[in-house]
Amino acid sequence: MDLQALFFTAIAAFAIGLLLGPIAIPILRRLKFGQTIREEGPKHHQTKAGTPTMGGVIIVIAVLLTTVKFAFGSLDTAMLLLGTVGFGLIGFADDFIKVVKKRNLGLTARQKILFQSLLTILLFGLLCVEQGNVSSFSIHVPFSNWALTVGIFYVLFLLVVLVGTTNAVNLTDGLDGLLSGCAIMVFAAYAVYAYWNTDYDVALFCAAMVGALGGFLAFNRHPARVFMGDTGSLAIGGGLAMVAVLTHSELALILFGLVFVLEALSVMIQVFSFKTFGRRVFRMSPLHHHFELGGWSEWEVVLLFWLGSFICAFGTLAVLSH
């Protein structure tokens, strides 16, 4: 496979995303799938109330159609799509309950853990089929040739990777175009990394995700005409986690997606500090709101995080290439 195939895959997904936007947005608006803005968030975000959400279906459909066209046929592709669509469906259920059923919390924590665990077990089963020998499952340490063999216990590590990644990515979805742009950087870097390591189906999937996110960004940039909702953010996180798993770079994903990690850490630090000491470390968490309340415009914060994501993703890629 040559680089031209990656380019065409990304362009195809981008075109599908652009075509789906004008179709999906009016439908979401007609169904009254409008975003509810939490009252404890920045006050100026209240003007976004009612903007159509669940637009992540645009991303999922574009990735699904493009990947099936250009890379379908391998078990790797099946697992990538299962991770994306599976977590996307969990997000869709969460969004549906919030928006349609008017229940602020969506799925309960127990329900989310149950669905995520079942999906993880299914993905682990497919990994077992591909690998053949359960005892050979290992965790590779970045920047070294060392790997820790964990065998059947890899299923627990897989659950941590999938749940941790999807939640971190989900927390990053708080400003117009923020997650879309950051995810483009990470998937683009992973497309190159997978290509270098001859994981061609993974590379094509990453290219499809880059194109789909680019097409969605045309409607999600500030001021956003549509939000992706948990439908999109969990699908992105699920797909990204499986990319890391199939390229044996689960720990390196921390560096590729460092912006996502910092967003999640800011929430954990804020909660710990407030519950323990009664003080807030940040003006507001996740981290992007800290900058907003510091006087930065939404667009300035988004550009900063895009740049940070680019540096982290491609900086990690550069180091791993040596």
Protein backbone atom coordinates (compact mmCIF):
# COMPACT_ATOMS: atom_id res chain seq x y z
CA MET A 1 0.00 0.00 0.00
CA ASP A 2 1.27 3.47 -0.83
CA LEU A 3 0.66 6.84 0.79
CA GLN A 4 -1.73 7.74 -2.01
CA ALA A 5 -4.23 5.25 -0.59
CA LEU A 6 -4.16 7.04 2.76
CA PHE A 7 -4.73 10.36 1.02
CA PHE A 8 -7.70 9.07 -1.00
CA THR A 9 -9.23 7.45 2.09
CA ALA A 10 -9.02 10.72 4.03
CA ILE A 11 -10.47 12.71 1.12
CA ALA A 12 -13.36 10.25 0.72
CA ALA A 13 -14.24 10.43 4.42
CA PHE A 14 -13.96 14.22 4.34
CA ALA A 15 -16.33 14.43 1.37
CA ILE A 16 -18.86 12.11 3.05
CA GLY A 17 -18.73 14.23 6.20
CA LEU A 18 -19.33 17.40 4.20
CA LEU A 19 -22.28 15.79 2.41
CA LEU A 20 -23.85 14.38 5.58
CA GLY A 21 -23.70 17.64 7.54
CA PRO A 22 -26.44 19.54 5.63
CA ILE A 23 -28.61 16.41 5.79
CA ALA A 24 -28.10 15.47 9.43
CA ILE A 25 -28.18 18.91 11.08
CA PRO A 26 -31.75 19.83 9.97
CA ILE A 27 -32.94 16.35 10.99
CA LEU A 28 -31.39 16.70 14.46
CA ARG A 29 -32.93 20.16 14.79
CA ARG A 30 -36.34 18.89 13.66
CA LEU A 31 -36.16 16.07 16.21
CA LYS A 32 -35.35 18.73 18.86
CA PHE A 33 -32.06 17.03 19.75
CA GLY A 34 -30.76 20.29 21.23
CA GLN A 35 -27.84 20.62 23.62
CA THR A 36 -28.51 21.47 27.27
CA ILE A 37 -25.75 23.62 28.77
CA ARG A 38 -24.82 22.91 32.38
CA GLU A 39 -25.44 25.89 34.65
CA GLU A 40 -22.10 25.59 36.47
CA GLY A 41 -20.18 26.09 33.21
CA PRO A 42 -18.97 29.43 31.81
CA LYS A 43 -21.97 31.79 31.59
CA HIS A 44 -21.39 32.77 27.95
CA HIS A 45 -21.90 29.12 26.95
CA GLN A 46 -25.61 29.49 27.71
CA THR A 47 -26.01 31.09 24.26
CA LYS A 48 -25.21 27.65 22.78
CA ALA A 49 -28.28 26.03 24.34
CA GLY A 50 -30.46 24.37 21.72
CA THR A 51 -27.64 23.76 19.22
CA PRO A 52 -28.23 20.31 17.68
CA THR A 53 -26.20 17.58 19.35
CA MET A 54 -25.55 13.89 18.62
CA GLY A 55 -23.80 15.05 15.45
CA GLY A 56 -21.22 12.34 16.10
CA VAL A 57 -23.36 10.15 13.86
CA ILE A 58 -21.82 12.11 10.97
CA ILE A 59 -18.33 11.04 12.04
CA VAL A 60 -19.29 7.42 12.68
CA ILE A 61 -21.10 7.00 9.35
CA ALA A 62 -18.28 8.65 7.38
CA VAL A 63 -15.65 6.44 9.03
CA LEU A 64 -17.76 3.31 8.68
CA LEU A 65 -18.50 3.81 4.96
CA THR A 66 -14.93 4.76 4.08
CA THR A 67 -13.25 2.01 6.09
CA VAL A 68 -15.59 -0.64 4.70
CA LYS A 69 -14.79 0.58 1.19
CA PHE A 70 -11.00 0.83 1.50
CA ALA A 71 -9.93 -1.48 4.32
CA PHE A 72 -12.65 -4.01 5.09
CA GLY A 73 -11.74 -7.68 5.19
CA SER A 74 -9.34 -8.06 8.10
CA LEU A 75 -9.93 -8.80 11.76
CA ASP A 76 -8.04 -5.60 12.63
CA THR A 77 -10.58 -3.56 10.69
CA ALA A 78 -13.46 -5.37 12.38
CA MET A 79 -12.04 -4.57 15.82
CA LEU A 80 -11.42 -0.93 14.94
CA LEU A 81 -14.98 -0.52 13.71
CA LEU A 82 -16.40 -2.43 16.67
CA GLY A 83 -14.51 -0.18 19.10
CA THR A 84 -15.71 2.93 17.29
CA VAL A 85 -19.32 1.97 16.65
CA GLY A 86 -19.69 0.10 19.95
CA PHE A 87 -18.61 3.01 22.12
CA GLY A 88 -20.48 5.35 19.79
CA LEU A 89 -23.68 3.42 20.54
CA ILE A 90 -23.06 3.73 24.27
CA GLY A 91 -22.64 7.46 23.77
CA PHE A 92 -25.76 7.56 21.60
CA ALA A 93 -27.79 5.90 24.36
CA ASP A 94 -26.41 8.39 26.88
CA ASP A 95 -27.23 11.35 24.60
CA PHE A 96 -30.69 9.99 23.80
CA ILE A 97 -31.62 9.69 27.47
CA LYS A 98 -30.30 13.19 28.22
CA VAL A 99 -31.88 14.93 25.24
CA VAL A 100 -35.06 13.00 24.52
CA LYS A 101 -35.91 11.59 27.96
CA LYS A 102 -34.83 14.87 29.61
CA ARG A 103 -32.78 13.01 32.24
CA ASN A 104 -29.65 15.06 32.95
CA LEU A 105 -27.42 12.16 34.00
CA GLY A 106 -28.11 9.95 30.96
CA LEU A 107 -26.94 6.39 31.54
CA THR A 108 -26.10 5.57 35.13
CA ALA A 109 -22.49 4.84 36.07
CA ARG A 110 -23.37 1.18 36.60
CA GLN A 111 -24.96 0.93 33.16
CA LYS A 112 -21.94 2.55 31.49
CA ILE A 113 -19.51 0.20 33.24
CA LEU A 114 -21.63 -2.80 32.28
CA PHE A 115 -21.83 -1.88 28.58
CA GLN A 116 -18.15 -0.90 28.43
CA SER A 117 -17.11 -4.15 30.14
CA LEU A 118 -19.19 -6.29 27.78
CA LEU A 119 -17.72 -4.50 24.77
CA THR A 120 -14.20 -4.93 26.18
CA ILE A 121 -14.74 -8.67 26.64
CA LEU A 122 -15.97 -8.96 23.05
CA LEU A 123 -12.95 -7.07 21.73
CA PHE A 124 -10.63 -9.20 23.88
CA GLY A 125 -12.23 -12.31 22.39
CA LEU A 126 -11.44 -11.05 18.89
CA LEU A 127 -7.87 -10.26 19.95
CA CYS A 128 -7.56 -13.83 21.23
CA VAL A 129 -8.74 -15.16 17.87
CA GLU A 130 -6.18 -13.00 16.08
CA GLN A 131 -3.28 -13.74 18.43
CA GLY A 132 -4.06 -17.41 18.91
CA ASN A 133 -2.10 -17.74 22.15
CA VAL A 134 -3.65 -15.98 25.17
CA SER A 135 -0.49 -16.40 27.25
CA SER A 136 1.50 -14.22 24.82
CA PHE A 137 -0.41 -11.00 25.49
CA SER A 138 2.07 -8.33 26.55
CA ILE A 139 2.35 -4.61 27.25
CA HIS A 140 5.11 -2.85 25.30
CA VAL A 141 7.16 -0.13 26.98
CA PRO A 142 7.71 2.93 24.73
CA PHE A 143 11.23 3.79 23.56
CA SER A 144 12.55 0.32 24.45
CA ASN A 145 12.42 -3.27 23.29
CA TRP A 146 11.06 -4.41 26.63
CA ALA A 147 7.56 -5.85 27.07
CA LEU A 148 5.71 -7.15 30.12
CA THR A 149 3.90 -10.43 29.43
CA VAL A 150 0.52 -10.39 31.21
CA GLY A 151 -1.38 -13.20 29.49
CA ILE A 152 -5.10 -13.44 30.31
CA PHE A 153 -4.82 -10.40 32.60
CA TYR A 154 -4.49 -8.27 29.48
CA VAL A 155 -8.29 -8.08 29.47
CA LEU A 156 -8.13 -5.90 32.61
CA PHE A 157 -5.49 -3.68 31.03
CA LEU A 158 -7.64 -3.45 27.90
CA LEU A 159 -10.58 -2.28 30.00
CA VAL A 160 -8.42 0.44 31.56
CA VAL A 161 -7.18 1.57 28.13
CA LEU A 162 -10.65 1.67 26.59
CA VAL A 163 -12.46 3.30 29.51
CA GLY A 164 -9.60 5.69 30.28
CA THR A 165 -9.23 6.83 26.68
CA THR A 166 -12.93 7.29 26.01
CA ASN A 167 -13.44 9.27 29.22
CA ALA A 168 -10.39 11.48 28.62
CA VAL A 169 -11.48 12.18 25.04
CA ASN A 170 -15.03 12.86 26.22
CA LEU A 171 -13.82 15.47 28.74
CA THR A 172 -11.98 17.31 25.95
CA ASP A 173 -15.25 17.89 24.09
CA GLY A 174 -16.17 21.21 25.68
CA LEU A 175 -15.52 23.98 23.14
CA ASP A 176 -16.45 24.44 19.48
CA GLY A 177 -14.05 22.38 17.37
CA LEU A 178 -11.75 21.56 20.30
CA LEU A 179 -11.98 17.77 20.27
CA SER A 180 -12.37 17.53 16.49
CA GLY A 181 -9.10 19.38 15.86
CA CYS A 182 -7.12 17.67 18.63
CA ALA A 183 -8.28 14.23 17.47
CA ILE A 184 -7.28 15.02 13.87
CA MET A 185 -3.69 15.63 15.04
CA VAL A 186 -3.51 12.36 17.00
CA PHE A 187 -5.08 10.19 14.30
CA ALA A 188 -2.87 11.79 11.63
CA ALA A 189 0.26 10.94 13.63
CA TYR A 190 -1.02 7.42 14.24
CA ALA A 191 -1.74 7.00 10.52
CA VAL A 192 1.94 7.62 9.81
CA TYR A 193 3.05 5.42 12.72
CA ALA A 194 0.84 2.52 11.61
CA TYR A 195 2.01 2.92 8.00
CA TRP A 196 5.67 2.80 9.07
CA ASN A 197 4.97 -0.41 10.98
CA THR A 198 3.08 -1.95 8.02
CA ASP A 199 -0.21 -1.98 9.94
CA TYR A 200 -1.93 -0.84 6.78
CA ASP A 201 -5.53 -1.45 7.78
CA VAL A 202 -4.97 0.57 10.95
CA ALA A 203 -3.35 3.34 8.90
CA LEU A 204 -6.35 3.44 6.53
CA PHE A 205 -8.74 3.60 9.48
CA CYS A 206 -6.79 6.51 10.96
CA ALA A 207 -6.87 8.28 7.59
CA ALA A 208 -10.64 7.76 7.44
CA MET A 209 -11.00 9.21 10.93
CA VAL A 210 -8.89 12.24 9.98
CA GLY A 211 -11.09 12.89 6.94
CA ALA A 212 -14.36 12.34 8.82
CA LEU A 213 -13.29 14.65 11.62
CA GLY A 214 -12.24 17.27 9.08
CA GLY A 215 -15.63 17.11 7.39
CA PHE A 216 -17.41 17.37 10.75
CA LEU A 217 -15.17 20.27 11.79
CA ALA A 218 -16.59 22.32 8.94
CA PHE A 219 -19.86 22.41 10.91
CA ASN A 220 -18.41 22.16 14.43
CA ARG A 221 -15.93 25.07 14.30
CA HIS A 222 -16.82 28.24 16.20
CA PRO A 223 -19.65 29.17 16.17
CA ALA A 224 -20.70 25.53 16.01
CA ARG A 225 -23.76 24.55 13.99
CA VAL A 226 -23.76 21.09 15.58
CA PHE A 227 -22.14 19.31 18.55
CA MET A 228 -20.89 15.73 18.38
CA GLY A 229 -22.24 14.75 21.83
CA ASP A 230 -21.14 11.59 23.61
CA THR A 231 -22.09 9.77 20.40
CA GLY A 232 -19.05 11.29 18.74
CA SER A 233 -16.61 11.66 21.63
CA LEU A 234 -16.97 8.07 22.85
CA ALA A 235 -16.72 6.76 19.28
CA ILE A 236 -13.51 8.74 18.76
CA GLY A 237 -12.12 7.49 22.06
CA GLY A 238 -13.04 3.88 21.33
CA GLY A 239 -11.46 4.02 17.89
CA LEU A 240 -8.31 5.70 19.20
CA ALA A 241 -7.90 3.16 22.00
CA MET A 242 -8.15 0.27 19.53
CA VAL A 243 -5.60 1.92 17.25
CA ALA A 244 -3.18 1.99 20.20
CA VAL A 245 -3.96 -1.64 21.07
CA LEU A 246 -3.45 -2.93 17.52
CA THR A 247 -0.18 -1.00 17.09
CA HIS A 248 1.04 -2.21 20.52
CA SER A 249 1.44 1.40 21.68
CA GLU A 250 -1.02 1.49 24.56
CA LEU A 251 1.45 3.26 26.89
CA ALA A 252 2.72 5.54 24.11
CA LEU A 253 -0.90 6.69 23.65
CA ILE A 254 -0.40 8.70 26.84
CA LEU A 255 2.11 10.81 24.93
CA PHE A 256 0.34 10.81 21.57
CA GLY A 257 -2.82 12.04 23.27
CA LEU A 258 -1.22 14.01 26.11
CA VAL A 259 -3.76 16.82 25.73
CA PHE A 260 -6.55 14.33 26.51
CA VAL A 261 -4.59 13.07 29.51
CA LEU A 262 -4.09 16.58 30.88
CA GLU A 263 -7.80 17.33 30.50
CA ALA A 264 -8.68 14.23 32.52
CA LEU A 265 -5.98 14.92 35.13
CA SER A 266 -7.26 18.47 35.62
CA VAL A 267 -10.67 17.09 36.58
CA MET A 268 -9.20 14.50 38.97
CA ILE A 269 -6.91 17.08 40.61
CA GLN A 270 -9.77 19.56 40.95
CA VAL A 271 -12.09 17.02 42.57
CA PHE A 272 -9.38 15.70 44.92
CA SER A 273 -8.26 19.17 45.98
CA PHE A 274 -11.77 20.45 46.61
CA LYS A 275 -12.90 17.38 48.55
CA THR A 276 -9.68 17.16 50.57
CA PHE A 277 -8.70 20.79 51.15
CA GLY A 278 -11.82 22.70 50.14
CA ARG A 279 -9.81 24.58 47.52
CA ARG A 280 -9.82 24.61 43.72
CA VAL A 281 -6.53 24.31 41.84
CA PHE A 282 -8.06 25.51 38.57
CA ARG A 283 -10.61 28.26 37.94
CA MET A 284 -12.75 25.52 36.44
CA SER A 285 -12.13 22.05 35.06
CA PRO A 286 -11.61 20.50 32.56
CA LEU A 287 -8.47 22.47 31.75
CA HIS A 288 -9.85 24.34 28.72
CA HIS A 289 -12.35 26.14 30.98
CA HIS A 290 -9.47 27.33 33.20
CA PHE A 291 -8.07 29.27 30.25
CA GLU A 292 -11.50 30.58 29.28
CA LEU A 293 -12.12 32.01 32.74
CA GLY A 294 -8.64 33.53 32.61
CA GLY A 295 -9.79 35.84 29.82
CA TRP A 296 -8.87 33.83 26.75
CA SER A 297 -11.39 33.76 23.92
CA GLU A 298 -12.86 30.41 22.96
CA TRP A 299 -11.02 30.45 19.64
CA GLU A 300 -7.69 31.24 21.33
CA VAL A 301 -8.09 28.30 23.71
CA VAL A 302 -8.99 25.96 20.85
CA LEU A 303 -5.96 27.04 18.79
CA LEU A 304 -3.66 26.56 21.80
CA PHE A 305 -4.95 23.04 22.39
CA TRP A 306 -4.74 22.18 18.69
CA LEU A 307 -1.11 23.31 18.69
CA GLY A 308 -0.41 21.36 21.87
CA SER A 309 -2.01 18.25 20.38
CA PHE A 310 0.06 18.61 17.20
CA ILE A 311 3.30 18.97 19.16
CA CYS A 312 2.54 16.01 21.44
CA ALA A 313 1.36 13.67 18.67
CA PHE A 314 4.03 14.39 16.10
CA GLY A 315 6.74 14.89 18.71
CA THR A 316 6.02 11.39 20.01
CA LEU A 317 6.00 10.09 16.44
CA ALA A 318 9.42 11.68 15.79
CA VAL A 319 10.94 10.12 18.91
CA LEU A 320 9.48 6.68 18.19
CA SER A 321 10.87 6.78 14.66
CA HIS A 322 14.46 6.80 15.92
